[in-house]
């Protein structure tokens, strides 16, 4: 792996991937709507940003950076949104809990108010369908059509997806569009010369750049540890919720999501980035890469897998 393209490289996860890739000797190009280098919440550009080629481009119109696609060996797509009210990202950077709560409230209202939802769809830029699904599909189509024809291992396309842990606090459309993107990408990459990798982090945290995520990360990690140590016969909250999910089909998705949140540990953004870079380099890695698989890629001590959510696949 010599040259990679990071779509959204000046964002929270994208910047961490750029930095990690540089540390492993890769050449890195970032494409974003602004084309500006990454800056910390205090407005500083770290020294490593000078080694990245920062390009302006539109992920929905890959013709704006198609020349890069013919040069790179792999692509990492990091664009996406947890809420259709994108103001939550600024609130997280500033550590503003009141603004963050307002964004969550607006996100719920946007899903239940048909007029507001219609307005978002008309604008065509801020919806889950566009940001979480369509941008990835358009970039992947262009990558497959324009990637350099060279001999070697299958070229990777990494999509930063997510574990299903946020329902019902976050609208179901968030995870649904993530899964739709994975399915669409798998069809586009169903050739021997490509491999799709779908990285599914849980709660991604950073003490300094996302200070509001730290308390939640502590609670998620404590819960995951307690569940991992519980005897198999012990009725943990997670097991009770999964039983209820099978009893009440109408609430099954939300109950399963809450149960997942109790057993899947949070993950630091630098560990997501490091695992993504290992996946880029290893030709045997493909398919879904959840938190447990990321830990294996980073050679962490193996956590008990008996609580792994049903339907989560390991890499090859």
C-alpha atoms as a PDB file:
ATOM      1  CA  UNK A   1       0.000   0.000   0.000  1.00  0.00           C
ATOM      2  CA  UNK A   2       1.697   3.196  -1.175  1.00  0.00           C
ATOM      3  CA  UNK A   3      -0.936   5.833  -1.947  1.00  0.00           C
ATOM      4  CA  UNK A   4      -4.415   6.063  -0.404  1.00  0.00           C
ATOM      5  CA  UNK A   5      -7.307   8.460  -0.772  1.00  0.00           C
ATOM      6  CA  UNK A   6      -9.192   9.444   2.390  1.00  0.00           C
ATOM      7  CA  UNK A   7     -12.597  10.918   1.614  1.00  0.00           C
ATOM      8  CA  UNK A   8     -13.326  13.355   4.435  1.00  0.00           C
ATOM      9  CA  UNK A   9      -9.738  13.406   5.663  1.00  0.00           C
ATOM     10  CA  UNK A  10     -10.124  16.631   7.620  1.00  0.00           C
ATOM     11  CA  UNK A  11     -12.894  15.216   9.834  1.00  0.00           C
ATOM     12  CA  UNK A  12     -12.698  13.507  13.217  1.00  0.00           C
ATOM     13  CA  UNK A  13     -12.083   9.919  12.059  1.00  0.00           C
ATOM     14  CA  UNK A  14     -10.681  10.885   8.649  1.00  0.00           C
ATOM     15  CA  UNK A  15      -7.884  12.993  10.151  1.00  0.00           C
ATOM     16  CA  UNK A  16      -6.909  10.176  12.513  1.00  0.00           C
ATOM     17  CA  UNK A  17      -6.669   7.813   9.532  1.00  0.00           C
ATOM     18  CA  UNK A  18      -4.521  10.300   7.586  1.00  0.00           C
ATOM     19  CA  UNK A  19      -2.150  10.615  10.530  1.00  0.00           C
ATOM     20  CA  UNK A  20      -1.964   6.847  11.105  1.00  0.00           C
ATOM     21  CA  UNK A  21      -1.369   6.141   7.408  1.00  0.00           C
ATOM     22  CA  UNK A  22       1.503   8.633   7.263  1.00  0.00           C
ATOM     23  CA  UNK A  23       3.110   6.964  10.277  1.00  0.00           C
ATOM     24  CA  UNK A  24       3.060   3.674   8.344  1.00  0.00           C
ATOM     25  CA  UNK A  25       4.836   5.202   5.352  1.00  0.00           C
ATOM     26  CA  UNK A  26       1.827   5.688   3.085  1.00  0.00           C
ATOM     27  CA  UNK A  27       1.279   8.596   0.726  1.00  0.00           C
ATOM     28  CA  UNK A  28      -2.027  10.242   1.630  1.00  0.00           C
ATOM     29  CA  UNK A  29      -4.446  12.416  -0.313  1.00  0.00           C
ATOM     30  CA  UNK A  30      -7.558  13.816   1.337  1.00  0.00           C
ATOM     31  CA  UNK A  31     -10.669  15.007  -0.472  1.00  0.00           C
ATOM     32  CA  UNK A  32     -13.275  17.129   1.283  1.00  0.00           C
ATOM     33  CA  UNK A  33     -15.856  19.757   0.396  1.00  0.00           C
ATOM     34  CA  UNK A  34     -13.589  22.547   1.670  1.00  0.00           C
ATOM     35  CA  UNK A  35     -10.215  21.129   0.725  1.00  0.00           C
ATOM     36  CA  UNK A  36      -8.747  22.673   3.859  1.00  0.00           C
ATOM     37  CA  UNK A  37      -6.200  20.849   6.053  1.00  0.00           C
ATOM     38  CA  UNK A  38      -7.336  19.385   9.331  1.00  0.00           C
ATOM     39  CA  UNK A  39      -7.394  21.721  12.327  1.00  0.00           C
ATOM     40  CA  UNK A  40      -7.724  20.937  16.027  1.00  0.00           C
ATOM     41  CA  UNK A  41     -10.690  22.387  17.948  1.00  0.00           C
ATOM     42  CA  UNK A  42      -8.370  25.274  18.908  1.00  0.00           C
ATOM     43  CA  UNK A  43      -7.678  26.055  15.247  1.00  0.00           C
ATOM     44  CA  UNK A  44      -4.171  24.598  14.943  1.00  0.00           C
ATOM     45  CA  UNK A  45      -2.920  22.429  12.087  1.00  0.00           C
ATOM     46  CA  UNK A  46      -0.540  19.757  13.461  1.00  0.00           C
ATOM     47  CA  UNK A  47       2.833  19.242  11.782  1.00  0.00           C
ATOM     48  CA  UNK A  48       1.741  16.014  10.095  1.00  0.00           C
ATOM     49  CA  UNK A  49      -0.873  17.872   8.002  1.00  0.00           C
ATOM     50  CA  UNK A  50       1.914  19.304   5.834  1.00  0.00           C
ATOM     51  CA  UNK A  51       2.562  15.789   4.494  1.00  0.00           C
ATOM     52  CA  UNK A  52      -1.002  15.266   3.236  1.00  0.00           C
ATOM     53  CA  UNK A  53      -2.182  16.391  -0.184  1.00  0.00           C
ATOM     54  CA  UNK A  54      -5.404  18.282   0.581  1.00  0.00           C
ATOM     55  CA  UNK A  55      -7.871  18.455  -2.297  1.00  0.00           C
ATOM     56  CA  UNK A  56     -11.287  20.001  -2.705  1.00  0.00           C
ATOM     57  CA  UNK A  57     -13.940  17.758  -4.216  1.00  0.00           C
ATOM     58  CA  UNK A  58     -17.573  16.694  -4.142  1.00  0.00           C
ATOM     59  CA  UNK A  59     -18.167  13.090  -3.078  1.00  0.00           C
ATOM     60  CA  UNK A  60     -21.482  13.092  -4.972  1.00  0.00           C
ATOM     61  CA  UNK A  61     -19.616  14.174  -8.104  1.00  0.00           C
ATOM     62  CA  UNK A  62     -16.334  12.206  -8.158  1.00  0.00           C
ATOM     63  CA  UNK A  63     -15.439  13.775 -11.500  1.00  0.00           C
ATOM     64  CA  UNK A  64     -14.109  16.639  -9.361  1.00  0.00           C
ATOM     65  CA  UNK A  65     -11.235  14.401  -8.215  1.00  0.00           C
ATOM     66  CA  UNK A  66     -11.259  11.555 -10.726  1.00  0.00           C
ATOM     67  CA  UNK A  67      -7.566  12.110 -11.548  1.00  0.00           C
ATOM     68  CA  UNK A  68      -6.633  10.956  -8.034  1.00  0.00           C
ATOM     69  CA  UNK A  69      -8.597   7.712  -8.327  1.00  0.00           C
ATOM     70  CA  UNK A  70      -6.353   6.522 -11.151  1.00  0.00           C
ATOM     71  CA  UNK A  71      -3.299   6.947  -8.898  1.00  0.00           C
ATOM     72  CA  UNK A  72      -4.325   5.457  -5.551  1.00  0.00           C
ATOM     73  CA  UNK A  73      -4.094   1.869  -4.376  1.00  0.00           C
ATOM     74  CA  UNK A  74      -7.000   2.114  -1.949  1.00  0.00           C
ATOM     75  CA  UNK A  75      -9.782   4.371  -0.660  1.00  0.00           C
ATOM     76  CA  UNK A  76     -11.064   5.058   2.857  1.00  0.00           C
ATOM     77  CA  UNK A  77     -14.506   6.677   2.942  1.00  0.00           C
ATOM     78  CA  UNK A  78     -15.197   8.448   6.244  1.00  0.00           C
ATOM     79  CA  UNK A  79     -18.112  10.748   5.381  1.00  0.00           C
ATOM     80  CA  UNK A  80     -21.299  10.291   7.355  1.00  0.00           C
ATOM     81  CA  UNK A  81     -23.524  11.842   9.953  1.00  0.00           C
ATOM     82  CA  UNK A  82     -24.987  10.646  13.244  1.00  0.00           C
ATOM     83  CA  UNK A  83     -27.721  13.287  13.057  1.00  0.00           C
ATOM     84  CA  UNK A  84     -29.185  15.142  10.111  1.00  0.00           C
ATOM     85  CA  UNK A  85     -28.681  18.302  12.156  1.00  0.00           C
ATOM     86  CA  UNK A  86     -24.945  18.583  11.512  1.00  0.00           C
ATOM     87  CA  UNK A  87     -24.494  21.142  14.295  1.00  0.00           C
ATOM     88  CA  UNK A  88     -23.842  18.299  16.730  1.00  0.00           C
ATOM     89  CA  UNK A  89     -20.292  17.953  15.381  1.00  0.00           C
ATOM     90  CA  UNK A  90     -19.437  21.527  16.325  1.00  0.00           C
ATOM     91  CA  UNK A  91     -20.992  20.968  19.757  1.00  0.00           C
ATOM     92  CA  UNK A  92     -18.810  17.906  20.284  1.00  0.00           C
ATOM     93  CA  UNK A  93     -15.666  19.789  19.269  1.00  0.00           C
ATOM     94  CA  UNK A  94     -16.468  22.664  21.628  1.00  0.00           C
ATOM     95  CA  UNK A  95     -17.644  20.415  24.448  1.00  0.00           C
ATOM     96  CA  UNK A  96     -21.000  22.204  24.563  1.00  0.00           C
ATOM     97  CA  UNK A  97     -23.566  19.829  26.176  1.00  0.00           C
ATOM     98  CA  UNK A  98     -26.504  22.230  25.727  1.00  0.00           C
ATOM     99  CA  UNK A  99     -25.910  22.653  22.001  1.00  0.00           C
ATOM    100  CA  UNK A 100     -25.419  18.902  21.690  1.00  0.00           C
ATOM    101  CA  UNK A 101     -28.743  18.230  23.402  1.00  0.00           C
ATOM    102  CA  UNK A 102     -30.403  20.729  21.044  1.00  0.00           C
ATOM    103  CA  UNK A 103     -28.955  18.900  18.053  1.00  0.00           C
ATOM    104  CA  UNK A 104     -30.292  15.574  19.314  1.00  0.00           C
ATOM    105  CA  UNK A 105     -33.693  17.182  19.854  1.00  0.00           C
ATOM    106  CA  UNK A 106     -33.669  18.668  16.354  1.00  0.00           C
ATOM    107  CA  UNK A 107     -32.689  15.280  14.972  1.00  0.00           C
ATOM    108  CA  UNK A 108     -35.736  13.658  16.529  1.00  0.00           C
ATOM    109  CA  UNK A 109     -38.020  16.495  15.372  1.00  0.00           C
ATOM    110  CA  UNK A 110     -36.593  16.275  11.865  1.00  0.00           C
ATOM    111  CA  UNK A 111     -37.539  12.599  11.688  1.00  0.00           C
ATOM    112  CA  UNK A 112     -41.079  13.108  12.998  1.00  0.00           C
ATOM    113  CA  UNK A 113     -41.932  16.397  11.240  1.00  0.00           C
ATOM    114  CA  UNK A 114     -42.759  15.626   7.580  1.00  0.00           C
ATOM    115  CA  UNK A 115     -42.397  19.292   6.568  1.00  0.00           C
ATOM    116  CA  UNK A 116     -38.880  19.545   7.977  1.00  0.00           C
ATOM    117  CA  UNK A 117     -37.930  16.177   6.500  1.00  0.00           C
ATOM    118  CA  UNK A 118     -39.246  17.287   3.110  1.00  0.00           C
ATOM    119  CA  UNK A 119     -37.183  20.468   3.319  1.00  0.00           C
ATOM    120  CA  UNK A 120     -34.021  18.497   4.101  1.00  0.00           C
ATOM    121  CA  UNK A 121     -34.655  16.146   1.199  1.00  0.00           C
ATOM    122  CA  UNK A 122     -35.229  19.069  -1.163  1.00  0.00           C
ATOM    123  CA  UNK A 123     -31.847  20.531  -0.231  1.00  0.00           C
ATOM    124  CA  UNK A 124     -30.318  17.151  -1.033  1.00  0.00           C
ATOM    125  CA  UNK A 125     -27.198  17.482   1.104  1.00  0.00           C
ATOM    126  CA  UNK A 126     -27.902  16.809   4.762  1.00  0.00           C
ATOM    127  CA  UNK A 127     -29.996  13.654   4.814  1.00  0.00           C
ATOM    128  CA  UNK A 128     -28.901  10.241   6.056  1.00  0.00           C
ATOM    129  CA  UNK A 129     -29.491   8.806   2.588  1.00  0.00           C
ATOM    130  CA  UNK A 130     -27.105  11.286   0.973  1.00  0.00           C
ATOM    131  CA  UNK A 131     -24.339  11.480   3.566  1.00  0.00           C
ATOM    132  CA  UNK A 132     -24.281   7.913   4.874  1.00  0.00           C
ATOM    133  CA  UNK A 133     -25.111   6.026   1.686  1.00  0.00           C
ATOM    134  CA  UNK A 134     -25.015   7.902  -1.605  1.00  0.00           C
ATOM    135  CA  UNK A 135     -21.614   9.589  -1.176  1.00  0.00           C
ATOM    136  CA  UNK A 136     -19.967   6.213  -0.547  1.00  0.00           C
ATOM    137  CA  UNK A 137     -21.657   4.576  -3.526  1.00  0.00           C
ATOM    138  CA  UNK A 138     -20.717   7.388  -5.916  1.00  0.00           C
ATOM    139  CA  UNK A 139     -17.067   7.371  -4.795  1.00  0.00           C
ATOM    140  CA  UNK A 140     -16.872   3.582  -5.035  1.00  0.00           C
ATOM    141  CA  UNK A 141     -18.378   3.559  -8.534  1.00  0.00           C
ATOM    142  CA  UNK A 142     -15.727   6.022  -9.663  1.00  0.00           C
ATOM    143  CA  UNK A 143     -12.945   4.074  -7.927  1.00  0.00           C
ATOM    144  CA  UNK A 144     -13.901   0.827  -9.661  1.00  0.00           C
ATOM    145  CA  UNK A 145     -14.195   2.597 -13.027  1.00  0.00           C
ATOM    146  CA  UNK A 146     -10.946   4.559 -12.777  1.00  0.00           C
ATOM    147  CA  UNK A 147      -8.547   2.651 -10.512  1.00  0.00           C
ATOM    148  CA  UNK A 148      -5.134   2.017 -12.009  1.00  0.00           C
ATOM    149  CA  UNK A 149      -4.881  -1.314 -13.830  1.00  0.00           C
ATOM    150  CA  UNK A 150      -1.890  -2.793 -12.050  1.00  0.00           C
ATOM    151  CA  UNK A 151      -0.961  -6.286 -10.928  1.00  0.00           C
ATOM    152  CA  UNK A 152      -1.111  -7.006  -7.248  1.00  0.00           C
ATOM    153  CA  UNK A 153      -3.440  -7.905  -4.399  1.00  0.00           C
ATOM    154  CA  UNK A 154      -7.099  -6.814  -4.458  1.00  0.00           C
ATOM    155  CA  UNK A 155      -7.495  -3.075  -4.005  1.00  0.00           C
ATOM    156  CA  UNK A 156      -9.296  -2.156  -0.778  1.00  0.00           C
ATOM    157  CA  UNK A 157     -12.249   0.173  -0.342  1.00  0.00           C
ATOM    158  CA  UNK A 158     -12.859   0.872   3.339  1.00  0.00           C
ATOM    159  CA  UNK A 159     -16.193   2.267   4.438  1.00  0.00           C
ATOM    160  CA  UNK A 160     -16.460   3.622   7.975  1.00  0.00           C
ATOM    161  CA  UNK A 161     -19.801   2.207   9.064  1.00  0.00           C
ATOM    162  CA  UNK A 162     -21.067   1.702  12.637  1.00  0.00           C
ATOM    163  CA  UNK A 163     -22.190  -0.831  15.199  1.00  0.00           C
ATOM    164  CA  UNK A 164     -25.925  -0.797  15.876  1.00  0.00           C
ATOM    165  CA  UNK A 165     -25.823   0.699  19.396  1.00  0.00           C
ATOM    166  CA  UNK A 166     -27.523   4.088  19.162  1.00  0.00           C
ATOM    167  CA  UNK A 167     -31.209   3.279  18.784  1.00  0.00           C
ATOM    168  CA  UNK A 168     -33.684   4.559  19.962  1.00  0.00           C
ATOM    169  CA  UNK A 169     -31.775   7.745  20.937  1.00  0.00           C
ATOM    170  CA  UNK A 170     -30.638   8.182  17.325  1.00  0.00           C
ATOM    171  CA  UNK A 171     -33.208   7.752  14.500  1.00  0.00           C
ATOM    172  CA  UNK A 172     -33.252   4.294  12.936  1.00  0.00           C
ATOM    173  CA  UNK A 173     -32.427   5.835   9.551  1.00  0.00           C
ATOM    174  CA  UNK A 174     -28.841   6.329  10.735  1.00  0.00           C
ATOM    175  CA  UNK A 175     -27.999   2.639  10.965  1.00  0.00           C
ATOM    176  CA  UNK A 176     -30.371   1.644   8.165  1.00  0.00           C
ATOM    177  CA  UNK A 177     -28.569   3.859   5.637  1.00  0.00           C
ATOM    178  CA  UNK A 178     -25.210   2.588   6.880  1.00  0.00           C
ATOM    179  CA  UNK A 179     -26.308  -0.970   6.154  1.00  0.00           C
ATOM    180  CA  UNK A 180     -27.746   0.032   2.773  1.00  0.00           C
ATOM    181  CA  UNK A 181     -24.359   1.515   1.901  1.00  0.00           C
ATOM    182  CA  UNK A 182     -22.565  -1.702   2.900  1.00  0.00           C
ATOM    183  CA  UNK A 183     -24.875  -3.783   0.730  1.00  0.00           C
ATOM    184  CA  UNK A 184     -24.499  -1.471  -2.253  1.00  0.00           C
ATOM    185  CA  UNK A 185     -20.721  -1.379  -1.916  1.00  0.00           C
ATOM    186  CA  UNK A 186     -20.519  -5.160  -1.716  1.00  0.00           C
ATOM    187  CA  UNK A 187     -22.257  -5.399  -5.089  1.00  0.00           C
ATOM    188  CA  UNK A 188     -19.923  -2.833  -6.641  1.00  0.00           C
ATOM    189  CA  UNK A 189     -16.811  -4.536  -5.245  1.00  0.00           C
ATOM    190  CA  UNK A 190     -17.815  -8.114  -6.084  1.00  0.00           C
ATOM    191  CA  UNK A 191     -14.725  -8.728  -8.220  1.00  0.00           C
ATOM    192  CA  UNK A 192     -11.469 -10.491  -7.526  1.00  0.00           C
ATOM    193  CA  UNK A 193      -9.501  -7.259  -7.974  1.00  0.00           C
ATOM    194  CA  UNK A 194     -11.294  -5.436  -5.146  1.00  0.00           C
ATOM    195  CA  UNK A 195     -12.184  -6.057  -1.517  1.00  0.00           C
ATOM    196  CA  UNK A 196     -14.780  -4.212   0.500  1.00  0.00           C
ATOM    197  CA  UNK A 197     -14.037  -3.580   4.180  1.00  0.00           C
ATOM    198  CA  UNK A 198     -16.806  -2.265   6.411  1.00  0.00           C
ATOM    199  CA  UNK A 199     -15.359  -0.931   9.656  1.00  0.00           C
ATOM    200  CA  UNK A 200     -18.025  -0.790  12.366  1.00  0.00           C
ATOM    201  CA  UNK A 201     -16.849   1.201  15.388  1.00  0.00           C
ATOM    202  CA  UNK A 202     -19.033   1.600  18.444  1.00  0.00           C
ATOM    203  CA  UNK A 203     -18.836   4.846  20.428  1.00  0.00           C
ATOM    204  CA  UNK A 204     -15.696   6.583  19.124  1.00  0.00           C
ATOM    205  CA  UNK A 205     -14.087   8.827  21.718  1.00  0.00           C
ATOM    206  CA  UNK A 206     -11.176  11.203  22.267  1.00  0.00           C
ATOM    207  CA  UNK A 207     -10.608  12.930  25.594  1.00  0.00           C
ATOM    208  CA  UNK A 208      -9.310  16.205  24.125  1.00  0.00           C
ATOM    209  CA  UNK A 209     -10.974  16.527  20.708  1.00  0.00           C
ATOM    210  CA  UNK A 210     -14.356  15.118  21.803  1.00  0.00           C
ATOM    211  CA  UNK A 211     -14.454  15.732  25.572  1.00  0.00           C
ATOM    212  CA  UNK A 212     -18.188  15.012  25.879  1.00  0.00           C
ATOM    213  CA  UNK A 213     -17.611  11.440  24.696  1.00  0.00           C
ATOM    214  CA  UNK A 214     -15.325  10.513  27.603  1.00  0.00           C
ATOM    215  CA  UNK A 215     -17.964  10.037  30.356  1.00  0.00           C
ATOM    216  CA  UNK A 216     -20.095   7.930  28.016  1.00  0.00           C
ATOM    217  CA  UNK A 217     -17.033   5.887  27.008  1.00  0.00           C
ATOM    218  CA  UNK A 218     -16.285   5.102  30.659  1.00  0.00           C
ATOM    219  CA  UNK A 219     -19.840   3.839  31.198  1.00  0.00           C
ATOM    220  CA  UNK A 220     -19.891   1.784  27.986  1.00  0.00           C
ATOM    221  CA  UNK A 221     -16.536   0.199  28.815  1.00  0.00           C
ATOM    222  CA  UNK A 222     -17.598  -0.627  32.371  1.00  0.00           C
ATOM    223  CA  UNK A 223     -20.792  -2.244  31.109  1.00  0.00           C
ATOM    224  CA  UNK A 224     -18.927  -4.274  28.476  1.00  0.00           C
ATOM    225  CA  UNK A 225     -16.420  -5.510  31.058  1.00  0.00           C
ATOM    226  CA  UNK A 226     -19.109  -6.513  33.539  1.00  0.00           C
ATOM    227  CA  UNK A 227     -21.088  -8.375  30.875  1.00  0.00           C
ATOM    228  CA  UNK A 228     -17.955 -10.148  29.620  1.00  0.00           C
ATOM    229  CA  UNK A 229     -17.207 -11.450  33.132  1.00  0.00           C
ATOM    230  CA  UNK A 230     -20.759 -12.541  33.936  1.00  0.00           C
ATOM    231  CA  UNK A 231     -21.392 -16.318  34.102  1.00  0.00           C
ATOM    232  CA  UNK A 232     -23.296 -17.740  31.156  1.00  0.00           C
ATOM    233  CA  UNK A 233     -26.298 -18.597  33.324  1.00  0.00           C
ATOM    234  CA  UNK A 234     -26.511 -15.126  34.867  1.00  0.00           C
ATOM    235  CA  UNK A 235     -29.431 -12.984  33.554  1.00  0.00           C
ATOM    236  CA  UNK A 236     -27.496  -9.878  32.571  1.00  0.00           C
ATOM    237  CA  UNK A 237     -29.388  -6.775  31.385  1.00  0.00           C
ATOM    238  CA  UNK A 238     -28.214  -7.472  27.851  1.00  0.00           C
ATOM    239  CA  UNK A 239     -29.586 -11.020  27.883  1.00  0.00           C
ATOM    240  CA  UNK A 240     -32.871  -9.864  29.352  1.00  0.00           C
ATOM    241  CA  UNK A 241     -33.244  -7.255  26.607  1.00  0.00           C
ATOM    242  CA  UNK A 242     -32.505  -9.815  23.884  1.00  0.00           C
ATOM    243  CA  UNK A 243     -35.153 -12.088  25.359  1.00  0.00           C
ATOM    244  CA  UNK A 244     -37.636  -9.219  25.380  1.00  0.00           C
ATOM    245  CA  UNK A 245     -36.716  -8.438  21.777  1.00  0.00           C
ATOM    246  CA  UNK A 246     -37.782 -11.934  20.755  1.00  0.00           C
ATOM    247  CA  UNK A 247     -41.025 -11.516  22.717  1.00  0.00           C
ATOM    248  CA  UNK A 248     -41.973  -8.065  21.357  1.00  0.00           C
ATOM    249  CA  UNK A 249     -41.131  -7.977  17.613  1.00  0.00           C
ATOM    250  CA  UNK A 250     -42.335  -4.378  17.205  1.00  0.00           C
ATOM    251  CA  UNK A 251     -39.614  -3.161  19.586  1.00  0.00           C
ATOM    252  CA  UNK A 252     -37.026  -5.760  18.636  1.00  0.00           C
ATOM    253  CA  UNK A 253     -34.627  -3.476  16.751  1.00  0.00           C
ATOM    254  CA  UNK A 254     -34.378  -0.891  19.528  1.00  0.00           C
ATOM    255  CA  UNK A 255     -34.045  -3.512  22.264  1.00  0.00           C
ATOM    256  CA  UNK A 256     -31.310  -5.340  20.342  1.00  0.00           C
ATOM    257  CA  UNK A 257     -29.496  -2.049  19.793  1.00  0.00           C
ATOM    258  CA  UNK A 258     -29.565  -1.221  23.518  1.00  0.00           C
ATOM    259  CA  UNK A 259     -28.337  -4.728  24.297  1.00  0.00           C
ATOM    260  CA  UNK A 260     -25.471  -4.255  21.822  1.00  0.00           C
ATOM    261  CA  UNK A 261     -24.505  -0.983  23.514  1.00  0.00           C
ATOM    262  CA  UNK A 262     -24.186  -2.816  26.830  1.00  0.00           C
ATOM    263  CA  UNK A 263     -21.693  -5.406  25.562  1.00  0.00           C
ATOM    264  CA  UNK A 264     -19.684  -3.691  22.806  1.00  0.00           C
ATOM    265  CA  UNK A 265     -16.892  -1.556  24.286  1.00  0.00           C
ATOM    266  CA  UNK A 266     -16.148   1.974  23.047  1.00  0.00           C
ATOM    267  CA  UNK A 267     -13.077   2.529  20.925  1.00  0.00           C
ATOM    268  CA  UNK A 268     -10.596   5.394  20.731  1.00  0.00           C
ATOM    269  CA  UNK A 269     -10.452   7.188  17.390  1.00  0.00           C
ATOM    270  CA  UNK A 270      -6.726   6.430  17.067  1.00  0.00           C
ATOM    271  CA  UNK A 271      -7.448   2.711  17.418  1.00  0.00           C
ATOM    272  CA  UNK A 272     -10.102   2.898  14.693  1.00  0.00           C
ATOM    273  CA  UNK A 273      -7.536   4.599  12.468  1.00  0.00           C
ATOM    274  CA  UNK A 274      -4.783   2.094  13.246  1.00  0.00           C
ATOM    275  CA  UNK A 275      -7.095  -0.861  12.561  1.00  0.00           C
ATOM    276  CA  UNK A 276      -8.186   0.677   9.261  1.00  0.00           C
ATOM    277  CA  UNK A 277      -4.545   1.044   8.193  1.00  0.00           C
ATOM    278  CA  UNK A 278      -3.792  -2.582   9.091  1.00  0.00           C
ATOM    279  CA  UNK A 279      -6.841  -3.608   7.056  1.00  0.00           C
ATOM    280  CA  UNK A 280      -5.522  -1.608   4.103  1.00  0.00           C
ATOM    281  CA  UNK A 281      -2.228  -3.486   4.209  1.00  0.00           C
ATOM    282  CA  UNK A 282      -3.501  -7.022   4.820  1.00  0.00           C
ATOM    283  CA  UNK A 283      -5.012  -8.653   1.723  1.00  0.00           C
ATOM    284  CA  UNK A 284      -6.837 -11.253   3.856  1.00  0.00           C
ATOM    285  CA  UNK A 285      -9.037  -8.628   5.542  1.00  0.00           C
ATOM    286  CA  UNK A 286     -12.426  -8.052   3.970  1.00  0.00           C
ATOM    287  CA  UNK A 287     -16.080  -7.804   4.919  1.00  0.00           C
ATOM    288  CA  UNK A 288     -17.351  -6.552   8.274  1.00  0.00           C
ATOM    289  CA  UNK A 289     -14.760  -5.496  10.832  1.00  0.00           C
ATOM    290  CA  UNK A 290     -16.416  -4.836  14.183  1.00  0.00           C
ATOM    291  CA  UNK A 291     -14.800  -3.743  17.434  1.00  0.00           C
ATOM    292  CA  UNK A 292     -13.704  -7.294  18.315  1.00  0.00           C
ATOM    293  CA  UNK A 293     -12.078  -7.675  14.884  1.00  0.00           C
ATOM    294  CA  UNK A 294     -10.358  -4.295  15.216  1.00  0.00           C
ATOM    295  CA  UNK A 295      -8.867  -5.439  18.514  1.00  0.00           C
ATOM    296  CA  UNK A 296      -7.585  -8.595  16.815  1.00  0.00           C
ATOM    297  CA  UNK A 297      -6.000  -6.568  14.031  1.00  0.00           C
ATOM    298  CA  UNK A 298      -4.241  -4.485  16.678  1.00  0.00           C
ATOM    299  CA  UNK A 299      -3.248  -7.682  18.525  1.00  0.00           C
ATOM    300  CA  UNK A 300      -5.062  -6.769  21.724  1.00  0.00           C
ATOM    301  CA  UNK A 301      -5.765  -9.495  24.298  1.00  0.00           C
ATOM    302  CA  UNK A 302      -8.904 -11.236  23.092  1.00  0.00           C
ATOM    303  CA  UNK A 303     -12.107 -10.259  24.852  1.00  0.00           C
ATOM    304  CA  UNK A 304     -14.742 -12.937  25.349  1.00  0.00           C
ATOM    305  CA  UNK A 305     -16.797 -13.266  22.155  1.00  0.00           C
ATOM    306  CA  UNK A 306     -19.825 -14.968  23.694  1.00  0.00           C
ATOM    307  CA  UNK A 307     -21.642 -11.619  23.819  1.00  0.00           C
ATOM    308  CA  UNK A 308     -20.948 -10.685  20.203  1.00  0.00           C
ATOM    309  CA  UNK A 309     -24.226  -9.557  18.574  1.00  0.00           C
ATOM    310  CA  UNK A 310     -25.875 -12.007  16.223  1.00  0.00           C
ATOM    311  CA  UNK A 311     -25.174 -11.347  12.571  1.00  0.00           C
ATOM    312  CA  UNK A 312     -21.778  -9.696  13.044  1.00  0.00           C
ATOM    313  CA  UNK A 313     -19.268 -11.339  10.713  1.00  0.00           C
ATOM    314  CA  UNK A 314     -15.537 -11.625  11.178  1.00  0.00           C
ATOM    315  CA  UNK A 315     -13.074 -10.760   8.465  1.00  0.00           C
ATOM    316  CA  UNK A 316     -11.666 -13.526   6.282  1.00  0.00           C
END
